[in-house]
Amino acid sequence: MISLCSLRLCRLVAVSALVVLSVAASPPPPLGPLPDRVTFASADGQTNLVGYVFKPEGPHSTPSPAVVLMHGRAGAYSSLANGKYDNSTLSQRHQKWGHLWAQQGYLAMLVDGFGPRGFPQGFARYSYDERPESLNEVTVRPLDAYGALAYLRGRKDVTPDRVALQGWSNGASATLAAMSSVTPAPML
């Protein structure tokens, strides 16, 4: 026989579980001010890319140095984005790095090179052989870095000869490939 107390306890546990599951299934809240969304052309001459700009925080010189951030194979967004791909669903890693650079007085721009090409969730772990050629980190993504460089050099709030490049995983490979290239312009 189930007591009234046991029934209430079961209901409380069930409601608690639903609350925990609903919170766990939603993207984490932003870690600071949301970055601005911008669009710019890749140096491939075909693709309009999306970038997320983290503006310098606190006292800083104007114009500011800048950093281009290149995401890895999982893309720019949280695995919990659930079909919503914008500045509110960026992964925590990218938010933290963008804010870290901004706190140091840099303008940081995360380049979403996958979403505009139809792969906002990136590609799965251990699926390198299945990676679409349009996301190639040696031949395509360096052109995205150069597109970001050109965009940033055109901004009045960026010191045009003080732009760095940082990447993770697949984005780190793209960073190395961009650095080894002599065209269209070296990253500074």
C-alpha atoms as a PDB file:
ATOM      1  CA  MET A   1       0.000   0.000   0.000  1.00  0.00           C
ATOM      2  CA  ILE A   2       1.341   3.399  -1.050  1.00  0.00           C
ATOM      3  CA  SER A   3       1.044   6.103   1.562  1.00  0.00           C
ATOM      4  CA  LEU A   4       0.024   9.669   0.770  1.00  0.00           C
ATOM      5  CA  CYS A   5       3.528  10.786   1.761  1.00  0.00           C
ATOM      6  CA  SER A   6       5.128   8.349  -0.701  1.00  0.00           C
ATOM      7  CA  LEU A   7       2.831   9.542  -3.473  1.00  0.00           C
ATOM      8  CA  ARG A   8       3.764  13.183  -2.797  1.00  0.00           C
ATOM      9  CA  LEU A   9       7.447  12.255  -2.747  1.00  0.00           C
ATOM     10  CA  CYS A  10       7.094  10.474  -6.118  1.00  0.00           C
ATOM     11  CA  ARG A  11       5.389  13.536  -7.610  1.00  0.00           C
ATOM     12  CA  LEU A  12       8.087  15.822  -6.226  1.00  0.00           C
ATOM     13  CA  VAL A  13      10.830  13.620  -7.692  1.00  0.00           C
ATOM     14  CA  ALA A  14       9.059  13.500 -11.075  1.00  0.00           C
ATOM     15  CA  VAL A  15       8.612  17.292 -11.202  1.00  0.00           C
ATOM     16  CA  SER A  16      12.236  17.819 -10.126  1.00  0.00           C
ATOM     17  CA  ALA A  17      13.435  15.462 -12.845  1.00  0.00           C
ATOM     18  CA  LEU A  18      11.435  17.369 -15.473  1.00  0.00           C
ATOM     19  CA  VAL A  19      12.924  20.678 -14.330  1.00  0.00           C
ATOM     20  CA  VAL A  20      16.469  19.281 -14.410  1.00  0.00           C
ATOM     21  CA  LEU A  21      15.951  17.754 -17.856  1.00  0.00           C
ATOM     22  CA  SER A  22      14.502  20.956 -19.305  1.00  0.00           C
ATOM     23  CA  VAL A  23      17.401  23.027 -17.950  1.00  0.00           C
ATOM     24  CA  ALA A  24      19.986  20.490 -19.153  1.00  0.00           C
ATOM     25  CA  ALA A  25      18.487  20.453 -22.658  1.00  0.00           C
ATOM     26  CA  SER A  26      18.795  24.196 -23.213  1.00  0.00           C
ATOM     27  CA  PRO A  27      21.976  26.067 -24.139  1.00  0.00           C
ATOM     28  CA  PRO A  28      23.857  27.628 -21.263  1.00  0.00           C
ATOM     29  CA  PRO A  29      23.274  31.343 -20.693  1.00  0.00           C
ATOM     30  CA  PRO A  30      25.733  33.799 -22.244  1.00  0.00           C
ATOM     31  CA  LEU A  31      28.911  34.304 -20.228  1.00  0.00           C
ATOM     32  CA  GLY A  32      28.961  38.059 -20.756  1.00  0.00           C
ATOM     33  CA  PRO A  33      27.677  40.606 -23.239  1.00  0.00           C
ATOM     34  CA  LEU A  34      26.515  38.946 -26.440  1.00  0.00           C
ATOM     35  CA  PRO A  35      28.871  39.565 -29.344  1.00  0.00           C
ATOM     36  CA  ASP A  36      27.713  41.494 -32.392  1.00  0.00           C
ATOM     37  CA  ARG A  37      26.862  39.440 -35.484  1.00  0.00           C
ATOM     38  CA  VAL A  38      28.558  40.617 -38.679  1.00  0.00           C
ATOM     39  CA  THR A  39      28.799  39.254 -42.204  1.00  0.00           C
ATOM     40  CA  PHE A  40      31.775  39.416 -44.537  1.00  0.00           C
ATOM     41  CA  ALA A  41      33.126  37.693 -47.632  1.00  0.00           C
ATOM     42  CA  SER A  42      35.510  34.769 -47.518  1.00  0.00           C
ATOM     43  CA  ALA A  43      38.581  35.218 -49.698  1.00  0.00           C
ATOM     44  CA  ASP A  44      37.223  32.254 -51.701  1.00  0.00           C
ATOM     45  CA  GLY A  45      35.126  34.841 -53.556  1.00  0.00           C
ATOM     46  CA  GLN A  46      31.965  32.726 -53.191  1.00  0.00           C
ATOM     47  CA  THR A  47      30.931  32.501 -49.555  1.00  0.00           C
ATOM     48  CA  ASN A  48      29.418  35.120 -47.272  1.00  0.00           C
ATOM     49  CA  LEU A  49      30.494  34.241 -43.755  1.00  0.00           C
ATOM     50  CA  VAL A  50      29.163  35.081 -40.317  1.00  0.00           C
ATOM     51  CA  GLY A  51      31.374  36.480 -37.594  1.00  0.00           C
ATOM     52  CA  TYR A  52      30.753  37.249 -33.940  1.00  0.00           C
ATOM     53  CA  VAL A  53      32.561  40.337 -32.671  1.00  0.00           C
ATOM     54  CA  PHE A  54      33.540  40.650 -29.022  1.00  0.00           C
ATOM     55  CA  LYS A  55      34.377  44.318 -28.449  1.00  0.00           C
ATOM     56  CA  PRO A  56      37.172  45.417 -26.125  1.00  0.00           C
ATOM     57  CA  GLU A  57      36.055  45.903 -22.535  1.00  0.00           C
ATOM     58  CA  GLY A  58      37.310  48.475 -20.059  1.00  0.00           C
ATOM     59  CA  PRO A  59      40.000  51.028 -20.805  1.00  0.00           C
ATOM     60  CA  HIS A  60      41.674  50.344 -24.129  1.00  0.00           C
ATOM     61  CA  SER A  61      43.249  52.187 -26.995  1.00  0.00           C
ATOM     62  CA  THR A  62      41.223  53.005 -30.078  1.00  0.00           C
ATOM     63  CA  PRO A  63      41.751  51.575 -32.552  1.00  0.00           C
ATOM     64  CA  SER A  64      42.425  48.194 -30.929  1.00  0.00           C
ATOM     65  CA  PRO A  65      44.436  45.158 -31.945  1.00  0.00           C
ATOM     66  CA  ALA A  66      42.276  42.221 -33.016  1.00  0.00           C
ATOM     67  CA  VAL A  67      42.192  38.425 -32.979  1.00  0.00           C
ATOM     68  CA  VAL A  68      40.479  36.155 -35.512  1.00  0.00           C
ATOM     69  CA  LEU A  69      39.147  32.995 -33.831  1.00  0.00           C
ATOM     70  CA  MET A  70      38.732  29.805 -35.905  1.00  0.00           C
ATOM     71  CA  HIS A  71      36.486  27.103 -34.395  1.00  0.00           C
ATOM     72  CA  GLY A  72      37.144  23.371 -34.556  1.00  0.00           C
ATOM     73  CA  ARG A  73      35.307  20.537 -36.307  1.00  0.00           C
ATOM     74  CA  ALA A  74      32.288  20.777 -33.972  1.00  0.00           C
ATOM     75  CA  GLY A  75      31.514  24.293 -35.240  1.00  0.00           C
ATOM     76  CA  ALA A  76      30.954  27.554 -33.397  1.00  0.00           C
ATOM     77  CA  TYR A  77      27.770  26.645 -31.556  1.00  0.00           C
ATOM     78  CA  SER A  78      26.841  24.743 -28.419  1.00  0.00           C
ATOM     79  CA  SER A  79      25.868  21.104 -28.900  1.00  0.00           C
ATOM     80  CA  LEU A  80      22.619  22.152 -27.199  1.00  0.00           C
ATOM     81  CA  ALA A  81      21.780  24.866 -29.768  1.00  0.00           C
ATOM     82  CA  ASN A  82      18.825  22.754 -30.950  1.00  0.00           C
ATOM     83  CA  GLY A  83      18.581  24.368 -34.378  1.00  0.00           C
ATOM     84  CA  LYS A  84      19.074  27.953 -33.179  1.00  0.00           C
ATOM     85  CA  TYR A  85      22.452  29.156 -34.437  1.00  0.00           C
ATOM     86  CA  ASP A  86      23.200  32.719 -33.394  1.00  0.00           C
ATOM     87  CA  ASN A  87      25.171  34.750 -30.858  1.00  0.00           C
ATOM     88  CA  SER A  88      23.095  33.359 -27.981  1.00  0.00           C
ATOM     89  CA  THR A  89      24.031  29.728 -28.710  1.00  0.00           C
ATOM     90  CA  LEU A  90      27.798  30.014 -29.201  1.00  0.00           C
ATOM     91  CA  SER A  91      29.745  27.333 -27.355  1.00  0.00           C
ATOM     92  CA  GLN A  92      31.105  28.242 -23.943  1.00  0.00           C
ATOM     93  CA  ARG A  93      34.678  27.785 -25.194  1.00  0.00           C
ATOM     94  CA  HIS A  94      34.222  30.411 -27.873  1.00  0.00           C
ATOM     95  CA  GLN A  95      32.393  32.787 -25.555  1.00  0.00           C
ATOM     96  CA  LYS A  96      35.130  32.481 -22.925  1.00  0.00           C
ATOM     97  CA  TRP A  97      37.935  33.110 -25.405  1.00  0.00           C
ATOM     98  CA  GLY A  98      36.098  36.026 -27.031  1.00  0.00           C
ATOM     99  CA  HIS A  99      35.525  37.649 -23.644  1.00  0.00           C
ATOM    100  CA  LEU A 100      39.087  36.896 -22.498  1.00  0.00           C
ATOM    101  CA  TRP A 101      40.522  38.740 -25.500  1.00  0.00           C
ATOM    102  CA  ALA A 102      37.993  41.577 -25.074  1.00  0.00           C
ATOM    103  CA  GLN A 103      38.976  41.947 -21.409  1.00  0.00           C
ATOM    104  CA  GLN A 104      42.595  42.325 -22.537  1.00  0.00           C
ATOM    105  CA  GLY A 105      41.638  45.213 -24.869  1.00  0.00           C
ATOM    106  CA  TYR A 106      41.423  43.235 -28.128  1.00  0.00           C
ATOM    107  CA  LEU A 107      38.553  43.082 -30.560  1.00  0.00           C
ATOM    108  CA  ALA A 108      37.980  39.350 -31.096  1.00  0.00           C
ATOM    109  CA  MET A 109      35.988  37.897 -33.980  1.00  0.00           C
ATOM    110  CA  LEU A 110      34.854  34.281 -34.079  1.00  0.00           C
ATOM    111  CA  VAL A 111      34.413  33.143 -37.683  1.00  0.00           C
ATOM    112  CA  ASP A 112      31.569  30.703 -38.369  1.00  0.00           C
ATOM    113  CA  GLY A 113      32.905  28.969 -41.454  1.00  0.00           C
ATOM    114  CA  PHE A 114      30.560  25.975 -41.237  1.00  0.00           C
ATOM    115  CA  GLY A 115      27.062  27.452 -40.759  1.00  0.00           C
ATOM    116  CA  PRO A 116      27.007  29.485 -43.984  1.00  0.00           C
ATOM    117  CA  ARG A 117      28.044  26.312 -45.829  1.00  0.00           C
ATOM    118  CA  GLY A 118      25.155  24.304 -44.384  1.00  0.00           C
ATOM    119  CA  PHE A 119      26.955  22.580 -41.486  1.00  0.00           C
ATOM    120  CA  PRO A 120      26.275  24.701 -38.365  1.00  0.00           C
ATOM    121  CA  GLN A 121      26.707  21.657 -36.090  1.00  0.00           C
ATOM    122  CA  GLY A 122      30.067  20.856 -37.643  1.00  0.00           C
ATOM    123  CA  PHE A 123      30.940  17.261 -38.282  1.00  0.00           C
ATOM    124  CA  ALA A 124      31.108  14.336 -35.921  1.00  0.00           C
ATOM    125  CA  ARG A 125      34.114  13.053 -34.039  1.00  0.00           C
ATOM    126  CA  TYR A 126      36.020  10.314 -35.890  1.00  0.00           C
ATOM    127  CA  SER A 127      34.372  11.317 -39.178  1.00  0.00           C
ATOM    128  CA  TYR A 128      37.327  13.088 -40.764  1.00  0.00           C
ATOM    129  CA  ASP A 129      37.055  10.986 -43.933  1.00  0.00           C
ATOM    130  CA  GLU A 130      33.434  12.092 -44.267  1.00  0.00           C
ATOM    131  CA  ARG A 131      34.202  15.808 -43.766  1.00  0.00           C
ATOM    132  CA  PRO A 132      32.722  17.811 -46.659  1.00  0.00           C
ATOM    133  CA  GLU A 133      35.334  19.275 -49.005  1.00  0.00           C
ATOM    134  CA  SER A 134      33.647  22.668 -48.569  1.00  0.00           C
ATOM    135  CA  LEU A 135      34.984  22.636 -44.972  1.00  0.00           C
ATOM    136  CA  ASN A 136      38.551  21.647 -45.836  1.00  0.00           C
ATOM    137  CA  GLU A 137      40.889  23.114 -43.233  1.00  0.00           C
ATOM    138  CA  VAL A 138      43.874  23.328 -45.592  1.00  0.00           C
ATOM    139  CA  THR A 139      42.347  24.608 -48.822  1.00  0.00           C
ATOM    140  CA  VAL A 140      39.112  26.417 -47.819  1.00  0.00           C
ATOM    141  CA  ARG A 141      39.208  27.612 -44.222  1.00  0.00           C
ATOM    142  CA  PRO A 142      42.439  29.631 -44.582  1.00  0.00           C
ATOM    143  CA  LEU A 143      40.523  31.714 -47.130  1.00  0.00           C
ATOM    144  CA  ASP A 144      37.939  32.379 -44.415  1.00  0.00           C
ATOM    145  CA  ALA A 145      40.741  33.624 -42.137  1.00  0.00           C
ATOM    146  CA  TYR A 146      41.942  35.957 -44.897  1.00  0.00           C
ATOM    147  CA  GLY A 147      38.384  37.181 -45.432  1.00  0.00           C
ATOM    148  CA  ALA A 148      38.170  37.940 -41.710  1.00  0.00           C
ATOM    149  CA  LEU A 149      41.509  39.751 -41.872  1.00  0.00           C
ATOM    150  CA  ALA A 150      40.292  41.930 -44.760  1.00  0.00           C
ATOM    151  CA  TYR A 151      37.049  42.668 -42.921  1.00  0.00           C
ATOM    152  CA  LEU A 152      38.843  43.628 -39.703  1.00  0.00           C
ATOM    153  CA  ARG A 153      41.379  45.795 -41.526  1.00  0.00           C
ATOM    154  CA  GLY A 154      38.443  47.761 -42.935  1.00  0.00           C
ATOM    155  CA  ARG A 155      37.034  48.575 -39.496  1.00  0.00           C
ATOM    156  CA  LYS A 156      37.914  51.954 -37.993  1.00  0.00           C
ATOM    157  CA  ASP A 157      38.110  50.455 -34.481  1.00  0.00           C
ATOM    158  CA  VAL A 158      40.858  47.941 -35.441  1.00  0.00           C
ATOM    159  CA  THR A 159      44.586  48.598 -35.793  1.00  0.00           C
ATOM    160  CA  PRO A 160      45.016  47.123 -39.300  1.00  0.00           C
ATOM    161  CA  ASP A 161      48.575  45.850 -38.816  1.00  0.00           C
ATOM    162  CA  ARG A 162      47.872  44.209 -35.424  1.00  0.00           C
ATOM    163  CA  VAL A 163      45.593  41.246 -36.190  1.00  0.00           C
ATOM    164  CA  ALA A 164      46.355  37.800 -34.770  1.00  0.00           C
ATOM    165  CA  LEU A 165      44.922  34.383 -35.610  1.00  0.00           C
ATOM    166  CA  GLN A 166      43.920  31.649 -33.146  1.00  0.00           C
ATOM    167  CA  GLY A 167      42.262  28.306 -33.817  1.00  0.00           C
ATOM    168  CA  TRP A 168      41.272  25.026 -32.193  1.00  0.00           C
ATOM    169  CA  SER A 169      41.503  21.533 -33.652  1.00  0.00           C
ATOM    170  CA  ASN A 170      40.322  21.802 -37.276  1.00  0.00           C
ATOM    171  CA  GLY A 171      40.565  25.588 -36.870  1.00  0.00           C
ATOM    172  CA  ALA A 172      44.160  25.222 -35.648  1.00  0.00           C
ATOM    173  CA  SER A 173      44.977  23.299 -38.824  1.00  0.00           C
ATOM    174  CA  ALA A 174      43.367  26.123 -40.794  1.00  0.00           C
ATOM    175  CA  THR A 175      45.453  28.612 -38.786  1.00  0.00           C
ATOM    176  CA  LEU A 176      48.677  26.782 -39.635  1.00  0.00           C
ATOM    177  CA  ALA A 177      47.669  26.511 -43.299  1.00  0.00           C
ATOM    178  CA  ALA A 178      46.857  30.246 -43.382  1.00  0.00           C
ATOM    179  CA  MET A 179      50.218  31.054 -41.843  1.00  0.00           C
ATOM    180  CA  SER A 180      52.081  28.951 -44.411  1.00  0.00           C
ATOM    181  CA  SER A 181      50.299  30.650 -47.312  1.00  0.00           C
ATOM    182  CA  VAL A 182      51.699  33.779 -48.946  1.00  0.00           C
ATOM    183  CA  THR A 183      48.451  34.752 -50.652  1.00  0.00           C
ATOM    184  CA  PRO A 184      46.350  36.837 -50.447  1.00  0.00           C
ATOM    185  CA  ALA A 185      48.106  38.552 -47.500  1.00  0.00           C
ATOM    186  CA  PRO A 186      50.036  37.298 -44.498  1.00  0.00           C
ATOM    187  CA  MET A 187      48.311  37.294 -41.114  1.00  0.00           C
ATOM    188  CA  LEU A 188      49.983  39.625 -38.630  1.00  0.00           C
END
